[in-house]
């Protein structure tokens, strides 16, 4: 029985006995992954052969069930991703002669840190485990490991040696995920009132994903706008979560991408489900969303963030399902607003505080009143919106102690680290600024660098063009009353 027949037999046994009866290593990594077949492998081999990436042996065979060597894999990876040119900084390889067919490929990949050559040893005849293959392909493609691992699930077993057929299968999948400046939209649909799911025929380049460029490329009718950059879903080839302004239910929108018609869709009336509102500062409150209720922030399911989110990151399939649950997706909070109304008073607008929607493993986007306004203790407030439905939308405001600055240190001539008396446990620095006043009364302003907080300390960057003066002493005070009348002193000694 060959390797693939054995794996198929294990999976059939799992179906009969229940996966709980099998050891962990024998269980499929994702229930959606079908077991790989020899036909799957041969199909990938045929495609790579057609493209001139893989070649057979002298007898004409491909030997798809043979373990692939490191030399063979280096050539396949280099040719798949166009990395076969002479490296800018050639790697030092001592166990492969420069005249050997594999040397230029090994040298190219080692110089790019895609494959290793420790102490000059590339080990060209050595085998490659499935886990090593995933890491190598992820580096070569510059894609997150979680996505590449997902594509490898049909054959993946961490410590198994990789066959030529398996390597071809994964590389054929990965080459479809090479970004293209000429990518075209193949499908678009509205997921909820502020989110589209858009599929391309290839991933976008980094330049085309950038918000400034994407705003020019994505053009909608009927006043709809892009509110932040499109984000590639983890595990997908080229499917993006695209945040928009609030769609009007029943309205028909047409999307043009780079000046070409990309299709029409109906505005979605589905509001995001959130549980409650909580006050977190005298001028700030948060909305709570729970994964347990089938609501997930896009930060946990996009390729760009998958490594940084650790165990909180996961993959949604094409129907936005995982482990039998279909999820609502909260797309970018950028430019979002909600209405907050005091009992017996007039409604007010609160704006989203950047980079607060999913931090510290919590889904709690924060919203802040206009500058200078505060919540009045004892007053009941109700929060409403045209893009979110809140199960418990009211709260009674209370007096909250401001944060307290106890220390400030220069990190460089253009940034400082501000430390609070205690860890706020969340991104309460976000959107705040401090003022630095020197002995002559000259003032400089520094704004919080989003997502820089570590415990009680956060980085604040001086306004562009402003620098600290060597030997000068500054008094650091909050702009506004977010930290009350607290202050700290620092001396810049470069």
Protein backbone atom coordinates (compact mmCIF):
# COMPACT_ATOMS: atom_id res chain seq x y z
CA UNK A 1 0.00 0.00 0.00
CA UNK A 2 1.54 3.33 -1.02
CA UNK A 3 1.76 6.46 1.11
CA UNK A 4 -1.46 8.02 -0.21
CA UNK A 5 -3.48 4.80 0.03
CA UNK A 6 -2.33 4.51 3.64
CA UNK A 7 -3.45 8.05 4.45
CA UNK A 8 -6.80 7.45 2.74
CA UNK A 9 -7.30 4.27 4.75
CA UNK A 10 -6.62 6.17 7.97
CA UNK A 11 -9.19 8.82 7.03
CA UNK A 12 -11.79 6.15 6.16
CA UNK A 13 -11.13 4.53 9.53
CA UNK A 14 -11.66 7.91 11.19
CA UNK A 15 -15.04 8.24 9.52
CA UNK A 16 -16.06 4.82 10.79
CA UNK A 17 -14.80 5.15 14.35
CA UNK A 18 -14.97 8.91 14.94
CA UNK A 19 -11.90 11.11 14.96
CA UNK A 20 -11.69 10.93 18.75
CA UNK A 21 -10.56 7.31 18.33
CA UNK A 22 -7.46 8.35 16.39
CA UNK A 23 -4.20 9.80 17.64
CA UNK A 24 -3.87 13.52 16.96
CA UNK A 25 -1.27 13.12 14.21
CA UNK A 26 -3.66 10.95 12.18
CA UNK A 27 -6.50 13.46 12.22
CA UNK A 28 -6.95 15.81 9.26
CA UNK A 29 -5.91 19.36 10.11
CA UNK A 30 -9.11 20.78 8.63
CA UNK A 31 -12.34 18.94 8.03
CA UNK A 32 -12.76 20.76 4.70
CA UNK A 33 -9.54 19.23 3.30
CA UNK A 34 -10.08 16.14 1.17
CA UNK A 35 -7.32 13.50 1.26
CA UNK A 36 -4.82 13.82 -1.56
CA UNK A 37 -4.84 11.29 -4.37
CA UNK A 38 -2.25 10.18 -6.89
CA UNK A 39 -4.38 11.91 -9.53
CA UNK A 40 -4.06 15.21 -7.62
CA UNK A 41 -0.30 14.84 -7.53
CA UNK A 42 -0.05 13.86 -11.17
CA UNK A 43 -2.19 16.85 -12.16
CA UNK A 44 0.18 19.21 -10.35
CA UNK A 45 3.21 17.49 -11.90
CA UNK A 46 1.67 17.84 -15.36
CA UNK A 47 1.02 21.57 -14.86
CA UNK A 48 4.52 22.31 -13.56
CA UNK A 49 5.96 20.24 -16.40
CA UNK A 50 3.94 22.25 -18.93
CA UNK A 51 5.38 25.44 -17.42
CA UNK A 52 8.94 24.11 -17.62
CA UNK A 53 9.35 24.05 -13.84
CA UNK A 54 9.72 20.31 -13.26
CA UNK A 55 11.47 17.76 -15.47
CA UNK A 56 11.53 14.00 -15.37
CA UNK A 57 14.44 11.62 -15.00
CA UNK A 58 16.43 10.24 -17.94
CA UNK A 59 14.00 7.32 -18.23
CA UNK A 60 11.09 9.79 -18.65
CA UNK A 61 9.53 9.03 -15.25
CA UNK A 62 8.52 11.65 -12.66
CA UNK A 63 8.70 9.33 -9.61
CA UNK A 64 6.03 11.30 -7.75
CA UNK A 65 6.23 9.05 -4.70
CA UNK A 66 9.99 9.42 -4.27
CA UNK A 67 11.17 11.72 -1.49
CA UNK A 68 12.31 15.02 -2.93
CA UNK A 69 15.88 16.10 -2.23
CA UNK A 70 16.87 19.57 -1.10
CA UNK A 71 18.63 20.14 -4.42
CA UNK A 72 15.50 19.20 -6.37
CA UNK A 73 13.30 21.36 -4.19
CA UNK A 74 15.64 24.35 -4.53
CA UNK A 75 15.31 24.18 -8.31
CA UNK A 76 11.51 23.84 -8.20
CA UNK A 77 11.10 26.74 -5.77
CA UNK A 78 13.51 28.99 -7.68
CA UNK A 79 11.76 28.35 -11.00
CA UNK A 80 8.23 28.61 -9.54
CA UNK A 81 8.83 32.03 -8.01
CA UNK A 82 11.37 33.40 -10.49
CA UNK A 83 14.29 33.36 -8.04
CA UNK A 84 16.84 31.65 -10.27
CA UNK A 85 18.90 34.75 -11.09
CA UNK A 86 22.36 35.31 -9.58
CA UNK A 87 21.96 36.41 -5.94
CA UNK A 88 23.00 39.91 -4.93
CA UNK A 89 24.87 38.43 -1.96
CA UNK A 90 25.90 34.89 -2.92
CA UNK A 91 25.68 32.34 -0.13
CA UNK A 92 28.78 30.44 0.97
CA UNK A 93 28.11 26.80 0.05
CA UNK A 94 30.89 24.25 0.60
CA UNK A 95 29.20 20.91 -0.09
CA UNK A 96 28.01 21.58 -3.64
CA UNK A 97 30.37 22.30 -6.53
CA UNK A 98 29.63 25.47 -8.53
CA UNK A 99 29.53 23.28 -11.63
CA UNK A 100 26.70 21.11 -10.22
CA UNK A 101 23.25 21.70 -11.80
CA UNK A 102 21.73 22.56 -8.39
CA UNK A 103 24.33 25.11 -7.26
CA UNK A 104 22.77 28.31 -8.70
CA UNK A 105 19.37 27.41 -7.24
CA UNK A 106 20.77 26.47 -3.84
CA UNK A 107 22.91 29.62 -3.74
CA UNK A 108 19.94 31.82 -4.68
CA UNK A 109 17.62 30.39 -2.03
CA UNK A 110 20.27 30.29 0.69
CA UNK A 111 21.20 33.92 0.02
CA UNK A 112 17.54 34.90 0.42
CA UNK A 113 17.24 32.88 3.67
CA UNK A 114 14.53 30.73 2.05
CA UNK A 115 16.58 27.54 2.51
CA UNK A 116 19.42 27.16 4.97
CA UNK A 117 23.11 26.42 4.42
CA UNK A 118 24.48 26.42 7.96
CA UNK A 119 28.27 26.62 8.06
CA UNK A 120 28.19 26.38 4.27
CA UNK A 121 26.45 22.98 4.20
CA UNK A 122 23.36 22.97 1.96
CA UNK A 123 22.98 19.16 2.11
CA UNK A 124 21.75 18.82 -1.50
CA UNK A 125 20.86 15.12 -1.21
CA UNK A 126 19.04 15.53 2.10
CA UNK A 127 15.29 15.04 2.45
CA UNK A 128 12.70 17.71 3.34
CA UNK A 129 9.91 17.31 5.89
CA UNK A 130 6.38 18.57 5.22
CA UNK A 131 6.88 21.21 7.94
CA UNK A 132 10.09 22.43 6.29
CA UNK A 133 8.38 22.55 2.90
CA UNK A 134 5.64 24.81 4.25
CA UNK A 135 8.18 27.20 5.75
CA UNK A 136 10.23 27.30 2.53
CA UNK A 137 7.21 27.99 0.32
CA UNK A 138 5.87 30.64 2.69
CA UNK A 139 9.21 32.49 2.60
CA UNK A 140 9.52 32.24 -1.17
CA UNK A 141 5.95 33.46 -1.76
CA UNK A 142 6.16 36.01 1.06
CA UNK A 143 2.87 34.70 2.36
CA UNK A 144 1.83 33.80 5.90
CA UNK A 145 2.68 30.30 7.10
CA UNK A 146 -0.90 29.59 8.20
CA UNK A 147 -2.18 29.97 4.63
CA UNK A 148 0.53 27.78 3.13
CA UNK A 149 -0.03 25.15 5.80
CA UNK A 150 -3.74 25.20 4.95
CA UNK A 151 -2.97 24.48 1.28
CA UNK A 152 -0.75 21.58 2.34
CA UNK A 153 -3.33 19.98 4.63
CA UNK A 154 -4.41 17.28 2.14
CA UNK A 155 -1.04 15.56 2.63
CA UNK A 156 0.51 17.27 5.66
CA UNK A 157 2.11 15.29 8.46
CA UNK A 158 4.70 17.43 10.23
CA UNK A 159 7.64 15.04 10.35
CA UNK A 160 6.96 13.05 7.17
CA UNK A 161 9.42 13.42 4.32
CA UNK A 162 8.00 15.29 1.35
CA UNK A 163 7.61 13.46 -1.94
CA UNK A 164 8.16 14.98 -5.36
CA UNK A 165 4.43 14.81 -5.96
CA UNK A 166 3.59 16.61 -2.69
CA UNK A 167 6.11 19.35 -3.39
CA UNK A 168 4.64 19.81 -6.85
CA UNK A 169 1.10 19.89 -5.43
CA UNK A 170 1.93 22.67 -2.96
CA UNK A 171 4.01 24.67 -5.43
CA UNK A 172 1.26 24.47 -8.06
CA UNK A 173 -1.17 25.86 -5.47
CA UNK A 174 1.26 28.53 -4.27
CA UNK A 175 2.15 29.78 -7.75
CA UNK A 176 -1.54 30.70 -8.19
CA UNK A 177 -1.07 33.01 -5.19
CA UNK A 178 1.76 35.03 -6.75
CA UNK A 179 0.62 38.70 -6.70
CA UNK A 180 -0.10 40.37 -10.02
CA UNK A 181 -0.31 44.05 -10.94
CA UNK A 182 -2.86 42.99 -13.58
CA UNK A 183 -5.23 41.16 -11.23
CA UNK A 184 -8.91 41.30 -12.25
CA UNK A 185 -12.05 40.91 -10.15
CA UNK A 186 -13.96 37.69 -10.81
CA UNK A 187 -16.68 37.98 -8.15
CA UNK A 188 -18.08 40.53 -5.71
CA UNK A 189 -20.80 40.29 -3.08
CA UNK A 190 -21.93 42.28 -0.07
CA UNK A 191 -21.32 40.41 3.18
CA UNK A 192 -22.88 42.91 5.58
CA UNK A 193 -23.72 46.61 5.71
CA UNK A 194 -20.04 47.67 5.70
CA UNK A 195 -18.19 44.76 4.09
CA UNK A 196 -17.71 43.22 0.66
CA UNK A 197 -16.11 39.91 -0.26
CA UNK A 198 -14.17 40.42 -3.49
CA UNK A 199 -12.37 37.64 -5.36
CA UNK A 200 -9.63 38.31 -7.93
CA UNK A 201 -7.97 36.01 -10.44
CA UNK A 202 -4.66 36.64 -8.62
CA UNK A 203 -3.63 38.40 -5.41
CA UNK A 204 -2.96 42.13 -5.52
CA UNK A 205 0.53 43.52 -5.26
CA UNK A 206 1.48 45.41 -2.10
CA UNK A 207 1.28 48.63 -4.10
CA UNK A 208 -2.28 47.88 -5.22
CA UNK A 209 -3.35 46.92 -1.69
CA UNK A 210 -2.16 50.23 -0.23
CA UNK A 211 -5.10 52.40 0.77
CA UNK A 212 -4.15 55.42 -1.31
CA UNK A 213 -3.92 53.32 -4.48
CA UNK A 214 -6.95 51.16 -3.63
CA UNK A 215 -9.11 54.28 -3.24
CA UNK A 216 -8.28 55.17 -6.83
CA UNK A 217 -8.76 51.62 -8.12
CA UNK A 218 -12.09 50.79 -6.39
CA UNK A 219 -14.83 53.10 -7.71
CA UNK A 220 -18.47 52.57 -6.74
CA UNK A 221 -21.72 54.14 -7.89
CA UNK A 222 -24.42 55.64 -5.66
CA UNK A 223 -21.98 57.30 -3.27
CA UNK A 224 -20.46 54.15 -1.79
CA UNK A 225 -16.77 54.50 -0.90
CA UNK A 226 -13.83 52.37 0.14
CA UNK A 227 -13.00 53.12 3.79
CA UNK A 228 -9.73 51.21 4.16
CA UNK A 229 -7.41 48.91 2.24
CA UNK A 230 -8.63 45.51 1.01
CA UNK A 231 -7.31 42.62 3.11
CA UNK A 232 -6.51 39.14 1.83
CA UNK A 233 -8.28 36.35 3.72
CA UNK A 234 -6.02 33.82 5.42
CA UNK A 235 -5.99 30.55 3.49
CA UNK A 236 -7.47 32.02 0.30
CA UNK A 237 -5.68 32.43 -3.00
CA UNK A 238 -7.08 35.85 -3.90
CA UNK A 239 -10.23 36.62 -1.89
CA UNK A 240 -10.35 39.94 -0.05
CA UNK A 241 -12.34 41.50 2.78
CA UNK A 242 -13.15 44.98 1.50
CA UNK A 243 -14.51 47.64 3.92
CA UNK A 244 -16.98 50.19 2.57
CA UNK A 245 -19.06 53.06 3.81
CA UNK A 246 -22.54 52.00 4.98
CA UNK A 247 -24.52 50.41 2.16
CA UNK A 248 -28.16 51.33 1.63
CA UNK A 249 -30.44 48.27 1.79
CA UNK A 250 -31.90 47.47 -1.62
CA UNK A 251 -29.67 49.91 -3.50
CA UNK A 252 -27.78 48.54 -6.50
CA UNK A 253 -24.11 49.37 -6.66
CA UNK A 254 -21.72 48.89 -9.55
CA UNK A 255 -18.00 48.47 -8.94
CA UNK A 256 -15.32 49.49 -11.40
CA UNK A 257 -11.78 48.32 -10.72
CA UNK A 258 -8.96 50.21 -12.44
CA UNK A 259 -11.55 51.70 -14.79
CA UNK A 260 -13.08 48.38 -15.84
CA UNK A 261 -16.54 47.13 -14.89
CA UNK A 262 -16.22 44.49 -12.18
CA UNK A 263 -19.90 43.73 -11.56
CA UNK A 264 -22.90 44.87 -9.54
CA UNK A 265 -24.28 43.92 -6.15
CA UNK A 266 -27.22 44.79 -3.90
CA UNK A 267 -26.67 46.77 -0.72
CA UNK A 268 -26.74 44.53 2.35
CA UNK A 269 -28.98 45.39 5.29
CA UNK A 270 -27.27 43.02 7.75
CA UNK A 271 -25.95 44.89 10.78
CA UNK A 272 -23.14 43.45 12.88
CA UNK A 273 -24.25 41.86 16.15
CA UNK A 274 -22.62 43.25 19.28
CA UNK A 275 -23.47 42.51 22.88
CA UNK A 276 -23.12 45.67 24.94
CA UNK A 277 -21.63 49.13 25.45
CA UNK A 278 -19.12 49.95 28.19
CA UNK A 279 -17.57 53.23 29.28
CA UNK A 280 -13.76 53.08 29.41
CA UNK A 281 -12.85 56.77 29.95
CA UNK A 282 -14.57 60.09 30.59
CA UNK A 283 -14.90 60.62 26.84
CA UNK A 284 -14.64 57.08 25.44
CA UNK A 285 -16.76 53.92 25.34
CA UNK A 286 -16.43 50.54 23.66
CA UNK A 287 -18.70 48.06 21.86
CA UNK A 288 -18.18 44.41 22.65
CA UNK A 289 -18.41 41.65 20.04
CA UNK A 290 -17.99 37.97 20.90
CA UNK A 291 -16.55 35.20 18.77
CA UNK A 292 -18.76 32.84 20.78
CA UNK A 293 -21.73 34.61 19.17
CA UNK A 294 -20.37 34.03 15.67
CA UNK A 295 -18.85 37.49 15.21
CA UNK A 296 -15.14 37.88 14.41
CA UNK A 297 -12.95 40.88 13.79
CA UNK A 298 -11.22 40.69 10.42
CA UNK A 299 -7.86 41.03 12.16
CA UNK A 300 -8.09 37.35 13.15
CA UNK A 301 -8.84 36.05 9.63
CA UNK A 302 -6.59 38.06 7.30
CA UNK A 303 -3.24 36.95 5.96
CA UNK A 304 -1.38 40.11 6.98
CA UNK A 305 -2.16 39.61 10.68
CA UNK A 306 -2.19 35.82 11.01
CA UNK A 307 1.33 35.52 12.44
CA UNK A 308 0.87 38.32 14.98
CA UNK A 309 -2.46 37.04 16.30
CA UNK A 310 -1.05 33.69 17.38
CA UNK A 311 -3.63 31.16 18.50
CA UNK A 312 -6.43 33.68 18.01
CA UNK A 313 -5.90 33.60 14.23
CA UNK A 314 -7.89 31.10 12.20
CA UNK A 315 -9.13 30.38 8.69
CA UNK A 316 -12.62 30.90 7.30
CA UNK A 317 -13.61 28.94 4.21
CA UNK A 318 -15.24 30.45 1.13
CA UNK A 319 -18.57 30.50 3.01
CA UNK A 320 -16.96 32.19 6.05
CA UNK A 321 -17.33 29.05 8.11
CA UNK A 322 -14.95 27.38 10.55
CA UNK A 323 -15.64 24.37 12.76
CA UNK A 324 -19.27 24.33 11.62
CA UNK A 325 -19.91 27.98 12.51
CA UNK A 326 -20.67 30.72 9.99
CA UNK A 327 -19.14 34.01 11.13
CA UNK A 328 -20.07 37.63 10.68
CA UNK A 329 -16.93 39.62 9.86
CA UNK A 330 -16.22 43.04 11.34
CA UNK A 331 -14.18 44.84 8.69
CA UNK A 332 -12.03 47.90 9.33
CA UNK A 333 -13.27 50.42 11.89
CA UNK A 334 -11.60 53.26 9.99
CA UNK A 335 -14.03 56.20 9.55
CA UNK A 336 -16.85 54.43 11.45
CA UNK A 337 -19.25 56.46 13.57
CA UNK A 338 -22.05 55.73 16.03
CA UNK A 339 -24.72 57.93 17.56
CA UNK A 340 -24.79 58.40 21.33
CA UNK A 341 -27.85 59.99 22.90
CA UNK A 342 -28.18 61.05 26.56
CA UNK A 343 -31.55 60.41 28.17
CA UNK A 344 -33.69 63.48 27.51
CA UNK A 345 -30.91 65.11 25.45
CA UNK A 346 -29.73 65.58 21.90
CA UNK A 347 -27.86 62.90 19.93
CA UNK A 348 -24.15 63.26 19.40
CA UNK A 349 -21.65 61.57 17.08
CA UNK A 350 -18.78 59.48 18.43
CA UNK A 351 -15.96 58.42 16.12
CA UNK A 352 -13.96 55.21 16.08
CA UNK A 353 -10.61 55.36 17.87
CA UNK A 354 -8.02 53.87 15.47
CA UNK A 355 -6.43 50.50 16.19
CA UNK A 356 -8.75 49.61 19.07
CA UNK A 357 -11.13 47.13 17.50
CA UNK A 358 -9.27 43.92 18.36
CA UNK A 359 -6.45 44.18 20.89
CA UNK A 360 -5.26 41.88 23.65
CA UNK A 361 -7.46 39.09 22.26
CA UNK A 362 -10.64 41.14 22.76
CA UNK A 363 -13.09 42.49 20.18
CA UNK A 364 -13.93 45.87 21.69
CA UNK A 365 -13.76 48.77 19.22
CA UNK A 366 -13.72 52.11 21.01
CA UNK A 367 -15.50 55.35 20.16
CA UNK A 368 -14.75 58.83 21.43
CA UNK A 369 -16.80 61.98 21.85
CA UNK A 370 -15.73 65.16 20.00
CA UNK A 371 -12.69 66.95 21.45
CA UNK A 372 -13.46 68.64 24.77
CA UNK A 373 -16.72 66.77 25.43
CA UNK A 374 -17.16 64.24 28.23
CA UNK A 375 -19.76 61.79 29.46
CA UNK A 376 -21.79 63.17 32.37
CA UNK A 377 -21.79 60.95 35.46
CA UNK A 378 -25.21 59.56 36.35
CA UNK A 379 -26.69 60.12 32.88
CA UNK A 380 -28.02 57.17 30.88
CA UNK A 381 -26.74 57.00 27.30
CA UNK A 382 -28.00 54.94 24.36
CA UNK A 383 -25.78 54.02 21.41
CA UNK A 384 -27.26 53.35 17.97
CA UNK A 385 -25.88 52.94 14.46
CA UNK A 386 -26.81 52.12 10.88
CA UNK A 387 -24.14 49.39 10.69
CA UNK A 388 -24.26 47.66 14.09
CA UNK A 389 -27.03 46.16 16.23
CA UNK A 390 -26.27 46.20 19.97
CA UNK A 391 -28.11 43.78 22.25
CA UNK A 392 -27.65 46.04 25.30
CA UNK A 393 -27.14 49.56 23.90
CA UNK A 394 -27.44 51.62 27.11
CA UNK A 395 -25.09 52.46 29.97
CA UNK A 396 -25.00 54.87 32.89
CA UNK A 397 -21.95 57.12 32.79
CA UNK A 398 -19.75 57.33 35.85
CA UNK A 399 -16.86 59.48 36.97
CA UNK A 400 -13.63 57.80 35.94
CA UNK A 401 -10.16 58.68 37.15
CA UNK A 402 -7.89 59.85 34.33
CA UNK A 403 -4.76 57.91 33.45
CA UNK A 404 -1.67 59.05 35.36
CA UNK A 405 1.72 59.70 33.72
CA UNK A 406 4.62 58.79 36.03
CA UNK A 407 7.61 58.69 33.68
CA UNK A 408 8.80 59.87 30.28
CA UNK A 409 12.01 58.84 28.52
CA UNK A 410 13.52 59.76 25.18
CA UNK A 411 13.62 56.82 22.77
CA UNK A 412 15.26 58.86 20.01
CA UNK A 413 15.44 62.49 18.91
CA UNK A 414 11.94 62.12 17.43
CA UNK A 415 10.11 59.88 19.91
CA UNK A 416 9.56 59.35 23.63
CA UNK A 417 8.20 56.56 25.82
CA UNK A 418 5.45 57.57 28.23
CA UNK A 419 4.75 55.31 31.21
CA UNK A 420 1.55 55.28 33.26
CA UNK A 421 1.12 54.48 36.95
CA UNK A 422 -0.50 51.17 35.98
CA UNK A 423 -1.20 49.08 32.90
CA UNK A 424 -4.53 50.24 31.42
CA UNK A 425 -5.04 46.76 30.00
CA UNK A 426 -6.15 48.14 26.65
CA UNK A 427 -5.37 50.72 23.97
CA UNK A 428 -6.39 53.76 26.04
CA UNK A 429 -3.36 55.66 24.72
CA UNK A 430 -4.86 55.51 21.24
CA UNK A 431 -5.59 58.89 19.70
CA UNK A 432 -3.90 60.79 22.54
CA UNK A 433 -1.08 63.34 22.48
CA UNK A 434 1.37 64.90 24.92
CA UNK A 435 3.08 68.29 24.97
CA UNK A 436 6.79 68.72 25.71
CA UNK A 437 7.84 72.11 27.14
CA UNK A 438 11.51 73.02 27.49
CA UNK A 439 13.08 75.48 30.01
CA UNK A 440 12.58 78.43 27.62
CA UNK A 441 8.90 77.66 27.21
CA UNK A 442 9.23 76.21 23.71
CA UNK A 443 6.63 73.52 23.06
CA UNK A 444 6.55 70.37 20.97
CA UNK A 445 3.69 67.93 20.49
CA UNK A 446 3.99 64.15 20.27
CA UNK A 447 1.19 61.77 19.24
CA UNK A 448 0.79 58.15 20.31
CA UNK A 449 2.21 55.61 17.86
CA UNK A 450 -0.64 53.19 17.30
CA UNK A 451 -0.20 49.67 18.68
CA UNK A 452 3.12 50.51 20.38
CA UNK A 453 1.89 50.00 23.95
CA UNK A 454 3.62 47.38 26.07
CA UNK A 455 1.93 47.16 29.42
CA UNK A 456 1.85 50.63 30.98
CA UNK A 457 4.24 52.20 28.45
CA UNK A 458 3.58 53.58 24.99
CA UNK A 459 5.62 55.35 22.30
CA UNK A 460 4.75 58.93 21.32
CA UNK A 461 6.23 60.41 18.15
CA UNK A 462 7.02 64.11 17.69
CA UNK A 463 5.25 66.01 14.93
CA UNK A 464 6.99 65.76 11.57
CA UNK A 465 10.06 67.96 11.41
CA UNK A 466 10.27 68.35 15.18
CA UNK A 467 13.24 66.99 17.16
CA UNK A 468 14.45 66.95 20.74
CA UNK A 469 17.45 69.16 21.52
CA UNK A 470 20.51 67.46 22.97
CA UNK A 471 20.94 68.27 26.67
CA UNK A 472 17.49 69.91 26.94
CA UNK A 473 15.07 69.03 29.73
CA UNK A 474 11.35 68.81 28.95
CA UNK A 475 8.19 68.68 31.05
CA UNK A 476 5.74 66.23 29.49
CA UNK A 477 2.01 66.89 30.02
CA UNK A 478 -1.13 65.44 28.41
CA UNK A 479 -2.97 67.34 25.68
CA UNK A 480 -6.51 67.47 27.02
CA UNK A 481 -7.53 65.85 30.27
CA UNK A 482 -6.99 62.16 29.38
CA UNK A 483 -4.21 61.99 32.00
CA UNK A 484 -5.49 64.78 34.25
CA UNK A 485 -2.80 67.11 35.56
CA UNK A 486 -0.12 64.44 35.73
CA UNK A 487 3.28 65.17 34.24
CA UNK A 488 6.81 63.85 33.93
CA UNK A 489 10.24 65.24 33.16
CA UNK A 490 12.85 63.98 30.72
CA UNK A 491 16.31 65.09 29.60
CA UNK A 492 17.43 64.20 26.11
CA UNK A 493 20.96 62.81 26.17
CA UNK A 494 21.72 61.23 22.76
